C-alpha atoms as a PDB file:
ATOM      1  CA  MET A   1      40.687 240.461  97.366  1.00  0.00           C
ATOM      2  CA  THR A   2      42.291 240.548  93.574  1.00  0.00           C
ATOM      3  CA  GLY A   3      42.397 237.258  91.970  1.00  0.00           C
ATOM      4  CA  LEU A   4      45.292 234.775  93.140  1.00  0.00           C
ATOM      5  CA  ARG A   5      47.523 232.574  91.524  1.00  0.00           C
ATOM      6  CA  ILE A   6      47.312 229.471  94.127  1.00  0.00           C
ATOM      7  CA  ALA A   7      49.591 226.421  93.473  1.00  0.00           C
ATOM      8  CA  ILE A   8      48.539 223.559  96.010  1.00  0.00           C
ATOM      9  CA  VAL A   9      50.840 220.404  96.123  1.00  0.00           C
ATOM     10  CA  THR A  10      49.479 217.339  97.432  1.00  0.00           C
ATOM     11  CA  ASP A  11      50.133 213.369  97.506  1.00  0.00           C
ATOM     12  CA  ALA A  12      46.638 212.796  98.333  1.00  0.00           C
ATOM     13  CA  TRP A  13      44.465 213.469  95.396  1.00  0.00           C
ATOM     14  CA  THR A  14      41.679 211.683  93.360  1.00  0.00           C
ATOM     15  CA  PRO A  15      40.374 208.646  92.608  1.00  0.00           C
ATOM     16  CA  GLN A  16      41.567 208.597  96.635  1.00  0.00           C
ATOM     17  CA  VAL A  17      38.082 208.931  98.581  1.00  0.00           C
ATOM     18  CA  ASN A  18      39.035 210.570 101.918  1.00  0.00           C
ATOM     19  CA  GLY A  19      39.262 213.552 104.184  1.00  0.00           C
ATOM     20  CA  VAL A  20      42.173 215.304 103.364  1.00  0.00           C
ATOM     21  CA  VAL A  21      41.016 214.547  99.058  1.00  0.00           C
ATOM     22  CA  ARG A  22      37.796 215.810  99.729  1.00  0.00           C
ATOM     23  CA  THR A  23      38.969 218.795 101.521  1.00  0.00           C
ATOM     24  CA  LEU A  24      41.235 220.272  98.773  1.00  0.00           C
ATOM     25  CA  THR A  25      38.852 219.549  95.928  1.00  0.00           C
ATOM     26  CA  THR A  26      36.121 221.398  97.274  1.00  0.00           C
ATOM     27  CA  LEU A  27      38.774 224.344  98.436  1.00  0.00           C
ATOM     28  CA  ALA A  28      39.961 224.584  95.113  1.00  0.00           C
ATOM     29  CA  ARG A  29      36.182 224.278  93.679  1.00  0.00           C
ATOM     30  CA  VAL A  30      35.306 227.246  96.017  1.00  0.00           C
ATOM     31  CA  LEU A  31      37.984 229.523  95.533  1.00  0.00           C
ATOM     32  CA  ARG A  32      37.862 229.458  91.646  1.00  0.00           C
ATOM     33  CA  GLY A  33      34.329 230.344  91.910  1.00  0.00           C
ATOM     34  CA  TRP A  34      35.724 233.816  93.985  1.00  0.00           C
ATOM     35  CA  GLY A  35      37.967 234.266  91.218  1.00  0.00           C
ATOM     36  CA  HIS A  36      41.328 232.976  92.464  1.00  0.00           C
ATOM     37  CA  GLU A  37      43.543 230.656  90.002  1.00  0.00           C
ATOM     38  CA  VAL A  38      44.026 227.283  91.709  1.00  0.00           C
ATOM     39  CA  THR A  39      46.539 224.720  90.187  1.00  0.00           C
ATOM     40  CA  VAL A  40      46.800 221.478  91.913  1.00  0.00           C
ATOM     41  CA  ILE A  41      50.247 219.998  91.356  1.00  0.00           C
ATOM     42  CA  SER A  42      49.437 216.031  92.389  1.00  0.00           C
ATOM     43  CA  PRO A  43      50.099 212.651  91.416  1.00  0.00           C
ATOM     44  CA  ASP A  44      48.024 212.191  88.340  1.00  0.00           C
ATOM     45  CA  ARG A  45      50.849 214.104  87.009  1.00  0.00           C
ATOM     46  CA  PHE A  46      53.265 212.226  87.678  1.00  0.00           C
ATOM     47  CA  ARG A  47      54.923 208.687  87.252  1.00  0.00           C
ATOM     48  CA  SER A  48      53.727 206.625  90.478  1.00  0.00           C
ATOM     49  CA  LEU A  49      53.862 203.440  92.666  1.00  0.00           C
ATOM     50  CA  PRO A  50      51.093 201.698  94.499  1.00  0.00           C
ATOM     51  CA  CYS A  51      51.736 202.003  97.924  1.00  0.00           C
ATOM     52  CA  PRO A  52      52.904 199.159  99.890  1.00  0.00           C
ATOM     53  CA  SER A  53      49.876 198.024 101.903  1.00  0.00           C
ATOM     54  CA  TYR A  54      47.254 200.273  99.984  1.00  0.00           C
ATOM     55  CA  PRO A  55      47.725 199.765  96.387  1.00  0.00           C
ATOM     56  CA  GLU A  56      44.313 201.918  96.209  1.00  0.00           C
ATOM     57  CA  ILE A  57      46.993 204.901  97.305  1.00  0.00           C
ATOM     58  CA  ARG A  58      49.594 205.668  94.446  1.00  0.00           C
ATOM     59  CA  LEU A  59      52.589 207.842  95.373  1.00  0.00           C
ATOM     60  CA  ALA A  60      54.225 209.724  92.510  1.00  0.00           C
ATOM     61  CA  PHE A  61      57.877 210.361  92.098  1.00  0.00           C
ATOM     62  CA  PRO A  62      58.476 213.056  90.317  1.00  0.00           C
ATOM     63  CA  GLY A  63      61.933 213.450  88.116  1.00  0.00           C
ATOM     64  CA  ARG A  64      64.435 215.830  90.084  1.00  0.00           C
ATOM     65  CA  GLY A  65      63.550 219.250  88.971  1.00  0.00           C
ATOM     66  CA  ALA A  66      59.599 218.263  87.823  1.00  0.00           C
ATOM     67  CA  VAL A  67      57.520 219.580  90.806  1.00  0.00           C
ATOM     68  CA  GLY A  68      59.723 222.972  90.420  1.00  0.00           C
ATOM     69  CA  ALA A  69      59.813 223.234  86.698  1.00  0.00           C
ATOM     70  CA  TRP A  70      55.428 223.198  87.696  1.00  0.00           C
ATOM     71  CA  LEU A  71      56.050 226.251  90.009  1.00  0.00           C
ATOM     72  CA  ASP A  72      58.383 227.862  88.203  1.00  0.00           C
ATOM     73  CA  ARG A  73      55.492 227.791  84.897  1.00  0.00           C
ATOM     74  CA  ILE A  74      52.495 228.742  87.339  1.00  0.00           C
ATOM     75  CA  ALA A  75      54.061 231.519  88.916  1.00  0.00           C
ATOM     76  CA  PRO A  76      52.129 231.742  91.765  1.00  0.00           C
ATOM     77  CA  ASP A  77      51.212 234.286  94.349  1.00  0.00           C
ATOM     78  CA  ALA A  78      50.946 231.613  96.939  1.00  0.00           C
ATOM     79  CA  ILE A  79      52.324 228.071  97.382  1.00  0.00           C
ATOM     80  CA  HIS A  80      50.381 225.570 100.059  1.00  0.00           C
ATOM     81  CA  ILE A  81      51.991 222.147 100.718  1.00  0.00           C
ATOM     82  CA  ALA A  82      49.365 220.423 101.947  1.00  0.00           C
ATOM     83  CA  THR A  83      51.154 216.576 102.053  1.00  0.00           C
ATOM     84  CA  GLU A  84      54.176 215.742 103.417  1.00  0.00           C
ATOM     85  CA  GLY A  85      54.635 212.662 101.233  1.00  0.00           C
ATOM     86  CA  PRO A  86      56.958 212.782  98.104  1.00  0.00           C
ATOM     87  CA  LEU A  87      55.727 216.090  96.083  1.00  0.00           C
ATOM     88  CA  GLY A  88      55.408 217.466  99.313  1.00  0.00           C
ATOM     89  CA  LEU A  89      59.296 216.930  99.400  1.00  0.00           C
ATOM     90  CA  ALA A  90      60.313 218.076  96.367  1.00  0.00           C
ATOM     91  CA  ALA A  91      58.067 221.262  96.733  1.00  0.00           C
ATOM     92  CA  ARG A  92      59.286 222.204 100.563  1.00  0.00           C
ATOM     93  CA  GLY A  93      62.902 221.697  98.086  1.00  0.00           C
ATOM     94  CA  HIS A  94      62.239 223.789  96.083  1.00  0.00           C
ATOM     95  CA  CYS A  95      60.839 226.583  97.875  1.00  0.00           C
ATOM     96  CA  LEU A  96      63.782 226.473  99.988  1.00  0.00           C
ATOM     97  CA  ARG A  97      66.376 226.451  97.592  1.00  0.00           C
ATOM     98  CA  HIS A  98      64.658 229.469  95.585  1.00  0.00           C
ATOM     99  CA  GLY A  99      63.531 231.361  98.945  1.00  0.00           C
ATOM    100  CA  LEU A 100      60.072 231.389  98.137  1.00  0.00           C
ATOM    101  CA  SER A 101      57.685 231.511 100.968  1.00  0.00           C
ATOM    102  CA  PHE A 102      54.961 228.530 101.593  1.00  0.00           C
ATOM    103  CA  THR A 103      52.441 227.576 103.922  1.00  0.00           C
ATOM    104  CA  THR A 104      51.878 223.742 105.130  1.00  0.00           C
ATOM    105  CA  ALA A 105      49.144 221.907 106.693  1.00  0.00           C
ATOM    106  CA  TYR A 106      49.061 219.189 109.335  1.00  0.00           C
ATOM    107  CA  HIS A 107      45.958 217.252 107.830  1.00  0.00           C
ATOM    108  CA  THR A 108      47.291 213.693 109.395  1.00  0.00           C
ATOM    109  CA  GLN A 109      48.756 212.140 112.468  1.00  0.00           C
ATOM    110  CA  PHE A 110      51.198 210.574 110.879  1.00  0.00           C
ATOM    111  CA  PRO A 111      52.900 209.001 113.493  1.00  0.00           C
ATOM    112  CA  ASP A 112      50.667 207.218 114.849  1.00  0.00           C
ATOM    113  CA  TYR A 113      49.659 206.445 111.615  1.00  0.00           C
ATOM    114  CA  LEU A 114      52.900 204.831 110.676  1.00  0.00           C
ATOM    115  CA  ALA A 115      53.547 203.139 114.261  1.00  0.00           C
ATOM    116  CA  ARG A 116      50.421 201.146 113.520  1.00  0.00           C
ATOM    117  CA  ARG A 117      51.874 200.087 110.324  1.00  0.00           C
ATOM    118  CA  THR A 118      55.169 199.588 111.626  1.00  0.00           C
ATOM    119  CA  ARG A 119      57.050 198.085 114.865  1.00  0.00           C
ATOM    120  CA  LEU A 120      58.678 201.458 115.685  1.00  0.00           C
ATOM    121  CA  PRO A 121      56.809 203.812 118.047  1.00  0.00           C
ATOM    122  CA  ALA A 122      55.068 206.875 117.087  1.00  0.00           C
ATOM    123  CA  SER A 123      57.845 209.093 118.780  1.00  0.00           C
ATOM    124  CA  ALA A 124      60.326 207.872 116.249  1.00  0.00           C
ATOM    125  CA  PHE A 125      58.387 209.901 113.164  1.00  0.00           C
ATOM    126  CA  TRP A 126      57.877 212.908 115.294  1.00  0.00           C
ATOM    127  CA  PRO A 127      61.281 214.056 113.901  1.00  0.00           C
ATOM    128  CA  TYR A 128      60.422 214.367 110.806  1.00  0.00           C
ATOM    129  CA  ILE A 129      57.081 216.354 111.067  1.00  0.00           C
ATOM    130  CA  ARG A 130      59.452 218.651 113.007  1.00  0.00           C
ATOM    131  CA  TRP A 131      61.739 218.867 110.294  1.00  0.00           C
ATOM    132  CA  PHE A 132      59.189 219.184 107.145  1.00  0.00           C
ATOM    133  CA  HIS A 133      57.280 221.717 108.695  1.00  0.00           C
ATOM    134  CA  ARG A 134      59.872 224.173 110.631  1.00  0.00           C
ATOM    135  CA  PRO A 135      60.601 226.395 107.329  1.00  0.00           C
ATOM    136  CA  SER A 136      56.313 226.621 106.518  1.00  0.00           C
ATOM    137  CA  ALA A 137      55.756 230.350 106.825  1.00  0.00           C
ATOM    138  CA  GLY A 138      52.274 228.884 108.567  1.00  0.00           C
ATOM    139  CA  ILE A 139      51.165 225.441 109.615  1.00  0.00           C
ATOM    140  CA  MET A 140      47.353 225.487 109.187  1.00  0.00           C
ATOM    141  CA  VAL A 141      45.616 223.024 111.615  1.00  0.00           C
ATOM    142  CA  ALA A 142      41.748 222.228 112.010  1.00  0.00           C
ATOM    143  CA  THR A 143      41.694 222.003 115.681  1.00  0.00           C
ATOM    144  CA  ASP A 144      42.553 223.403 119.446  1.00  0.00           C
ATOM    145  CA  THR A 145      43.784 220.272 120.550  1.00  0.00           C
ATOM    146  CA  VAL A 146      46.510 219.893 116.986  1.00  0.00           C
ATOM    147  CA  ARG A 147      47.596 223.055 117.793  1.00  0.00           C
ATOM    148  CA  ARG A 148      48.438 222.476 121.248  1.00  0.00           C
ATOM    149  CA  GLN A 149      49.640 219.757 119.884  1.00  0.00           C
ATOM    150  CA  LEU A 150      52.163 220.699 117.507  1.00  0.00           C
ATOM    151  CA  GLN A 151      53.091 223.638 119.934  1.00  0.00           C
ATOM    152  CA  GLN A 152      54.428 221.035 122.171  1.00  0.00           C
ATOM    153  CA  GLN A 153      56.332 219.444 119.502  1.00  0.00           C
ATOM    154  CA  GLY A 154      57.961 223.372 119.139  1.00  0.00           C
ATOM    155  CA  LEU A 155      56.208 224.388 115.866  1.00  0.00           C
ATOM    156  CA  THR A 156      54.982 227.681 116.723  1.00  0.00           C
ATOM    157  CA  GLN A 157      53.220 228.990 113.378  1.00  0.00           C
ATOM    158  CA  LEU A 158      50.430 227.605 113.697  1.00  0.00           C
ATOM    159  CA  LEU A 159      47.121 229.158 111.762  1.00  0.00           C
ATOM    160  CA  PRO A 160      43.399 227.869 111.952  1.00  0.00           C
ATOM    161  CA  TRP A 161      41.925 226.331 109.237  1.00  0.00           C
ATOM    162  CA  SER A 162      38.763 224.686 110.027  1.00  0.00           C
ATOM    163  CA  ARG A 163      36.376 222.393 107.823  1.00  0.00           C
ATOM    164  CA  GLY A 164      33.255 222.554 105.866  1.00  0.00           C
ATOM    165  CA  VAL A 165      30.286 220.583 104.897  1.00  0.00           C
ATOM    166  CA  ASP A 166      28.311 220.732 101.629  1.00  0.00           C
ATOM    167  CA  LEU A 167      24.953 221.874 102.915  1.00  0.00           C
ATOM    168  CA  ALA A 168      23.322 221.312  99.486  1.00  0.00           C
ATOM    169  CA  SER A 169      24.307 217.850  99.512  1.00  0.00           C
ATOM    170  CA  PHE A 170      23.810 216.466 103.122  1.00  0.00           C
ATOM    171  CA  THR A 171      20.617 217.246 104.554  1.00  0.00           C
ATOM    172  CA  PRO A 172      17.890 215.786 107.042  1.00  0.00           C
ATOM    173  CA  ALA A 173      16.067 215.775 104.488  1.00  0.00           C
ATOM    174  CA  ILE A 174      17.029 213.760 101.827  1.00  0.00           C
ATOM    175  CA  VAL A 175      15.631 210.040 101.900  1.00  0.00           C
ATOM    176  CA  PRO A 176      17.820 207.340 103.466  1.00  0.00           C
ATOM    177  CA  PRO A 177      18.331 204.377 101.309  1.00  0.00           C
ATOM    178  CA  ASP A 178      15.421 201.502 100.715  1.00  0.00           C
ATOM    179  CA  LEU A 179      18.189 198.750 102.630  1.00  0.00           C
ATOM    180  CA  PHE A 180      17.999 200.677 105.683  1.00  0.00           C
ATOM    181  CA  GLY A 181      14.654 200.076 105.921  1.00  0.00           C
ATOM    182  CA  ARG A 182      14.687 196.196 106.395  1.00  0.00           C
ATOM    183  CA  LEU A 183      17.521 196.940 109.054  1.00  0.00           C
ATOM    184  CA  GLU A 184      17.303 196.036 112.641  1.00  0.00           C
ATOM    185  CA  ARG A 185      16.695 199.664 114.584  1.00  0.00           C
ATOM    186  CA  PRO A 186      19.185 201.650 115.597  1.00  0.00           C
ATOM    187  CA  ILE A 187      21.054 201.543 112.634  1.00  0.00           C
ATOM    188  CA  GLN A 188      25.089 202.500 113.407  1.00  0.00           C
ATOM    189  CA  LEU A 189      27.149 204.073 110.829  1.00  0.00           C
ATOM    190  CA  TYR A 190      31.138 204.103 109.791  1.00  0.00           C
ATOM    191  CA  VAL A 191      31.798 205.941 107.087  1.00  0.00           C
ATOM    192  CA  GLY A 192      35.703 206.332 105.798  1.00  0.00           C
ATOM    193  CA  ARG A 193      38.503 204.269 104.530  1.00  0.00           C
ATOM    194  CA  VAL A 194      38.716 200.947 105.685  1.00  0.00           C
ATOM    195  CA  SER A 195      41.896 200.066 107.330  1.00  0.00           C
ATOM    196  CA  VAL A 196      43.620 198.985 110.048  1.00  0.00           C
ATOM    197  CA  GLU A 197      44.568 202.660 111.687  1.00  0.00           C
ATOM    198  CA  LYS A 198      40.495 203.841 111.458  1.00  0.00           C
ATOM    199  CA  ASN A 199      40.456 201.196 114.295  1.00  0.00           C
ATOM    200  CA  ILE A 200      36.985 199.732 112.600  1.00  0.00           C
ATOM    201  CA  GLU A 201      37.066 196.634 115.167  1.00  0.00           C
ATOM    202  CA  ALA A 202      36.066 198.619 117.759  1.00  0.00           C
ATOM    203  CA  PHE A 203      33.100 199.459 115.468  1.00  0.00           C
ATOM    204  CA  LEU A 204      31.913 196.478 114.571  1.00  0.00           C
ATOM    205  CA  THR A 205      32.850 194.865 117.816  1.00  0.00           C
ATOM    206  CA  ASN A 206      30.721 197.282 120.167  1.00  0.00           C
ATOM    207  CA  PRO A 207      28.133 195.108 122.156  1.00  0.00           C
ATOM    208  CA  HIS A 208      25.045 197.649 121.763  1.00  0.00           C
ATOM    209  CA  PRO A 209      22.386 196.426 119.950  1.00  0.00           C
ATOM    210  CA  GLY A 210      20.862 197.411 116.231  1.00  0.00           C
ATOM    211  CA  SER A 211      22.541 196.685 112.596  1.00  0.00           C
ATOM    212  CA  LYS A 212      26.149 197.819 111.704  1.00  0.00           C
ATOM    213  CA  VAL A 213      26.662 199.355 108.477  1.00  0.00           C
ATOM    214  CA  VAL A 214      30.153 200.562 106.769  1.00  0.00           C
ATOM    215  CA  VAL A 215      30.521 202.618 103.555  1.00  0.00           C
ATOM    216  CA  GLY A 216      33.702 202.935 102.297  1.00  0.00           C
ATOM    217  CA  ASP A 217      36.579 200.977 101.416  1.00  0.00           C
ATOM    218  CA  GLY A 218      40.534 200.247 101.528  1.00  0.00           C
ATOM    219  CA  PRO A 219      42.794 197.029 102.645  1.00  0.00           C
ATOM    220  CA  ALA A 220      41.222 195.938 105.663  1.00  0.00           C
ATOM    221  CA  ARG A 221      38.169 195.238 104.010  1.00  0.00           C
ATOM    222  CA  ALA A 222      37.767 191.910 102.622  1.00  0.00           C
ATOM    223  CA  ARG A 223      39.005 190.793 106.008  1.00  0.00           C
ATOM    224  CA  LEU A 224      36.787 192.914 108.134  1.00  0.00           C
ATOM    225  CA  ALA A 225      33.889 191.396 105.877  1.00  0.00           C
ATOM    226  CA  ALA A 226      34.445 188.054 106.690  1.00  0.00           C
ATOM    227  CA  ARG A 227      34.843 188.105 110.192  1.00  0.00           C
ATOM    228  CA  PHE A 228      32.278 190.229 111.051  1.00  0.00           C
ATOM    229  CA  PRO A 229      29.567 188.738 108.333  1.00  0.00           C
ATOM    230  CA  GLU A 230      26.447 190.039 110.135  1.00  0.00           C
ATOM    231  CA  ALA A 231      28.276 193.774 109.605  1.00  0.00           C
ATOM    232  CA  ILE A 232      26.453 195.577 106.035  1.00  0.00           C
ATOM    233  CA  PHE A 233      29.099 196.394 103.597  1.00  0.00           C
ATOM    234  CA  LEU A 234      28.063 198.597 101.062  1.00  0.00           C
ATOM    235  CA  GLY A 235      31.471 200.197  99.732  1.00  0.00           C
ATOM    236  CA  THR A 236      32.001 203.888  98.645  1.00  0.00           C
ATOM    237  CA  GLN A 237      29.264 205.848  98.390  1.00  0.00           C
ATOM    238  CA  THR A 238      29.536 209.350  97.172  1.00  0.00           C
ATOM    239  CA  GLY A 239      26.898 212.247  97.281  1.00  0.00           C
ATOM    240  CA  GLN A 240      23.860 211.597  97.466  1.00  0.00           C
ATOM    241  CA  ASN A 241      24.041 207.964  98.202  1.00  0.00           C
ATOM    242  CA  LEU A 242      26.714 209.014 100.882  1.00  0.00           C
ATOM    243  CA  ALA A 243      24.141 211.843 102.197  1.00  0.00           C
ATOM    244  CA  ALA A 244      21.488 209.340 102.295  1.00  0.00           C
ATOM    245  CA  CYS A 245      23.138 206.631 104.069  1.00  0.00           C
ATOM    246  CA  TYR A 246      24.322 209.267 106.919  1.00  0.00           C
ATOM    247  CA  ALA A 247      20.490 211.167 106.880  1.00  0.00           C
ATOM    248  CA  GLY A 248      19.018 207.040 107.731  1.00  0.00           C
ATOM    249  CA  ALA A 249      21.320 206.608 110.133  1.00  0.00           C
ATOM    250  CA  ASP A 250      20.863 206.654 113.987  1.00  0.00           C
ATOM    251  CA  VAL A 251      24.066 207.112 115.145  1.00  0.00           C
ATOM    252  CA  PHE A 252      27.234 207.600 113.421  1.00  0.00           C
ATOM    253  CA  VAL A 253      29.877 205.909 114.741  1.00  0.00           C
ATOM    254  CA  PHE A 254      33.600 207.383 114.989  1.00  0.00           C
ATOM    255  CA  PRO A 255      36.237 204.626 116.130  1.00  0.00           C
ATOM    256  CA  SER A 256      39.403 206.019 114.970  1.00  0.00           C
ATOM    257  CA  ARG A 257      41.791 208.026 117.056  1.00  0.00           C
ATOM    258  CA  THR A 258      44.066 209.206 114.741  1.00  0.00           C
ATOM    259  CA  ASP A 259      42.368 211.633 113.179  1.00  0.00           C
ATOM    260  CA  THR A 260      42.743 215.161 112.949  1.00  0.00           C
ATOM    261  CA  PHE A 261      39.970 216.566 112.445  1.00  0.00           C
ATOM    262  CA  GLY A 262      36.873 214.241 111.027  1.00  0.00           C
ATOM    263  CA  LEU A 263      34.886 215.886 108.046  1.00  0.00           C
ATOM    264  CA  VAL A 264      32.333 212.581 107.998  1.00  0.00           C
ATOM    265  CA  MET A 265      31.464 213.751 111.232  1.00  0.00           C
ATOM    266  CA  ILE A 266      30.316 217.058 110.576  1.00  0.00           C
ATOM    267  CA  GLU A 267      28.546 215.800 107.146  1.00  0.00           C
ATOM    268  CA  ALA A 268      26.696 213.209 109.615  1.00  0.00           C
ATOM    269  CA  LEU A 269      25.901 215.663 112.032  1.00  0.00           C
ATOM    270  CA  ALA A 270      24.382 218.179 108.851  1.00  0.00           C
ATOM    271  CA  CYS A 271      22.150 215.237 108.148  1.00  0.00           C
ATOM    272  CA  GLY A 272      20.888 215.291 111.826  1.00  0.00           C
ATOM    273  CA  THR A 273      22.348 212.432 112.797  1.00  0.00           C
ATOM    274  CA  PRO A 274      24.255 212.371 116.234  1.00  0.00           C
ATOM    275  CA  VAL A 275      27.947 211.445 116.444  1.00  0.00           C
ATOM    276  CA  ALA A 276      29.179 208.398 119.267  1.00  0.00           C
ATOM    277  CA  ALA A 277      33.279 208.621 119.487  1.00  0.00           C
ATOM    278  CA  TYR A 278      35.725 208.180 121.993  1.00  0.00           C
ATOM    279  CA  PRO A 279      36.900 210.947 124.242  1.00  0.00           C
ATOM    280  CA  VAL A 280      40.131 211.936 121.271  1.00  0.00           C
ATOM    281  CA  GLN A 281      41.464 214.462 119.537  1.00  0.00           C
ATOM    282  CA  GLY A 282      39.504 215.029 116.429  1.00  0.00           C
ATOM    283  CA  PRO A 283      35.685 214.326 118.337  1.00  0.00           C
ATOM    284  CA  GLN A 284      36.683 216.212 121.337  1.00  0.00           C
ATOM    285  CA  ASP A 285      36.991 219.486 119.487  1.00  0.00           C
ATOM    286  CA  ILE A 286      33.559 218.886 117.365  1.00  0.00           C
ATOM    287  CA  VAL A 287      30.747 216.401 119.598  1.00  0.00           C
ATOM    288  CA  THR A 288      29.017 218.813 121.909  1.00  0.00           C
ATOM    289  CA  PRO A 289      26.356 217.169 124.524  1.00  0.00           C
ATOM    290  CA  HIS A 290      23.727 218.188 122.525  1.00  0.00           C
ATOM    291  CA  CYS A 291      24.591 216.389 119.461  1.00  0.00           C
ATOM    292  CA  GLY A 292      26.490 213.319 120.632  1.00  0.00           C
ATOM    293  CA  ALA A 293      28.828 211.283 123.128  1.00  0.00           C
ATOM    294  CA  LEU A 294      32.168 210.437 123.670  1.00  0.00           C
ATOM    295  CA  ASP A 295      32.913 207.539 125.695  1.00  0.00           C
ATOM    296  CA  GLU A 296      35.685 205.071 126.305  1.00  0.00           C
ATOM    297  CA  GLN A 297      33.303 202.549 125.237  1.00  0.00           C
ATOM    298  CA  LEU A 298      31.658 202.979 122.228  1.00  0.00           C
ATOM    299  CA  ASP A 299      28.866 200.979 123.226  1.00  0.00           C
ATOM    300  CA  ARG A 300      27.797 203.909 125.731  1.00  0.00           C
ATOM    301  CA  ALA A 301      28.781 206.752 123.590  1.00  0.00           C
ATOM    302  CA  ILE A 302      26.482 204.942 121.680  1.00  0.00           C
ATOM    303  CA  ALA A 303      23.682 205.228 123.812  1.00  0.00           C
ATOM    304  CA  ARG A 304      23.767 208.445 125.285  1.00  0.00           C
ATOM    305  CA  ALA A 305      24.176 209.896 121.307  1.00  0.00           C
ATOM    306  CA  LEU A 306      20.773 208.177 120.686  1.00  0.00           C
ATOM    307  CA  ALA A 307      19.005 210.470 123.108  1.00  0.00           C
ATOM    308  CA  CYS A 308      20.189 213.831 120.977  1.00  0.00           C
ATOM    309  CA  ASP A 309      17.674 215.490 118.913  1.00  0.00           C
ATOM    310  CA  ARG A 310      18.498 215.296 115.430  1.00  0.00           C
ATOM    311  CA  GLY A 311      17.023 218.954 114.316  1.00  0.00           C
ATOM    312  CA  THR A 312      19.812 220.367 117.436  1.00  0.00           C
ATOM    313  CA  CYS A 313      22.313 217.999 115.575  1.00  0.00           C
ATOM    314  CA  ALA A 314      21.358 219.484 111.856  1.00  0.00           C
ATOM    315  CA  THR A 315      21.777 222.795 112.995  1.00  0.00           C
ATOM    316  CA  TYR A 316      24.936 222.885 114.876  1.00  0.00           C
ATOM    317  CA  GLY A 317      26.363 220.309 111.595  1.00  0.00           C
ATOM    318  CA  ALA A 318      25.320 223.300 109.261  1.00  0.00           C
ATOM    319  CA  SER A 319      27.092 225.446 111.377  1.00  0.00           C
ATOM    320  CA  PHE A 320      30.057 224.325 109.392  1.00  0.00           C
ATOM    321  CA  THR A 321      30.403 226.118 106.101  1.00  0.00           C
ATOM    322  CA  TRP A 322      33.579 225.378 103.046  1.00  0.00           C
ATOM    323  CA  GLU A 323      32.669 229.102 102.084  1.00  0.00           C
ATOM    324  CA  ALA A 324      34.052 229.735 105.696  1.00  0.00           C
ATOM    325  CA  SER A 325      36.640 227.217 105.597  1.00  0.00           C
ATOM    326  CA  ALA A 326      38.430 229.049 102.392  1.00  0.00           C
ATOM    327  CA  ARG A 327      38.290 232.381 103.973  1.00  0.00           C
ATOM    328  CA  GLN A 328      40.720 230.576 106.669  1.00  0.00           C
ATOM    329  CA  PHE A 329      42.727 229.420 104.098  1.00  0.00           C
ATOM    330  CA  LEU A 330      43.447 232.705 102.316  1.00  0.00           C
ATOM    331  CA  ASP A 331      44.048 234.655 105.399  1.00  0.00           C
ATOM    332  CA  ALA A 332      46.668 232.340 106.043  1.00  0.00           C
ATOM    333  CA  LEU A 333      48.663 231.963 102.558  1.00  0.00           C
ATOM    334  CA  ALA A 334      52.215 233.011 103.380  1.00  0.00           C
ATOM    335  CA  CYS A 335      53.231 236.473 102.693  1.00  0.00           C
ATOM    336  CA  ALA A 336      56.796 236.336 104.232  1.00  0.00           C
ATOM    337  CA  PRO A 337      60.101 234.451 102.868  1.00  0.00           C
ATOM    338  CA  ALA A 338      60.629 231.158 104.162  1.00  0.00           C
ATOM    339  CA  THR A 339      63.771 230.861 106.100  1.00  0.00           C
ATOM    340  CA  ASP A 340      65.048 227.192 107.868  1.00  0.00           C
ATOM    341  CA  PRO A 341      65.924 228.063 111.393  1.00  0.00           C
ATOM    342  CA  ALA A 342      68.222 224.987 111.556  1.00  0.00           C
ATOM    343  CA  GLY A 343      69.895 226.832 108.615  1.00  0.00           C
ATOM    344  CA  ASP A 344      69.901 223.871 106.658  1.00  0.00           C
ATOM    345  CA  LEU A 345      67.845 224.294 103.179  1.00  0.00           C
ATOM    346  CA  VAL A 346      67.115 221.005 102.032  1.00  0.00           C
ATOM    347  CA  GLY A 347      68.114 218.482 104.820  1.00  0.00           C
ATOM    348  CA  ASP A 348      67.925 215.199 104.817  1.00  0.00           C
ATOM    349  CA  PRO A 349      64.497 213.473 106.282  1.00  0.00           C
ATOM    350  CA  ALA A 350      65.641 210.049 106.586  1.00  0.00           C
ATOM    351  CA  GLY A 351      68.723 211.669 109.220  1.00  0.00           C
ATOM    352  CA  ALA A 352      65.744 213.274 110.866  1.00  0.00           C
ATOM    353  CA  LEU A 353      63.949 210.270 111.493  1.00  0.00           C
ATOM    354  CA  VAL A 354      67.260 209.241 113.739  1.00  0.00           C
ATOM    355  CA  ALA A 355      68.200 212.795 115.112  1.00  0.00           C
END
């Protein structure tokens, strides 16, 4: 394939540490390695303010036409809008006003996420999601469960885009941290954002014996560390340090009920560590009986997962590659002009919330 000029518009970018950022940074690296020209239009290019209740995340507020000016300057062959935030909204509006095709992705369960942070039900936010994605030439989804969920919301232009693992970093061969040698077994590990929607309290209160280790940071860390002094909070870890935590754990516990995929699960599996989780979307699409366990009681899932063969886990985890993920992304890029079935090129996202 001849090299493409690709613009990726995202409200989630470094220095944030999460699955969306890791996915997009790795995707850009792989695509550039294949000779494609990738420009990421991200919050660091604009004035931004801390997100209420989560100051580590900054929301960009570009001036009128600023995102469109970037897109005009790049003149991309393909435009991908990764998030539904302010930058995504600006890019969407520009594309619709100028008849430009674009794809989108559904990375985050925003209705559930926002319901946990407001007094509104998740159903109040679905009209906005439908409005945002309806004119997309293709909505990229990571799993069959998410595809079915969006189909139920009336969105049909759905395309597969799975995730991968950096197999050079995440391997069973890496040496675990010295700390892990001093902890009571089994070591139960959580990796991810430390915030309310991740349901970490369910992990920390599960009665299975052993040690509980939390890797990551976020607005709930101080409160949880004070409430659970017996747990080990290591903060954000990256690269080899993160891989060592995965490899040194006996079981990886994924307590979230709101993730669309769960990149950390396949990273843990690639390091040979089985996964225990709830039987919900994300885990249901990834975890098999040979590499983990799903149960509404996390301690029961942990007990069953501990019996899994670590070699089998590593082999399965290694089947998720970023190269395959990037090929899916390229296959999904839109090539047809976008139209808005509702006839409203820009529309009113606020009105969509109450439609």
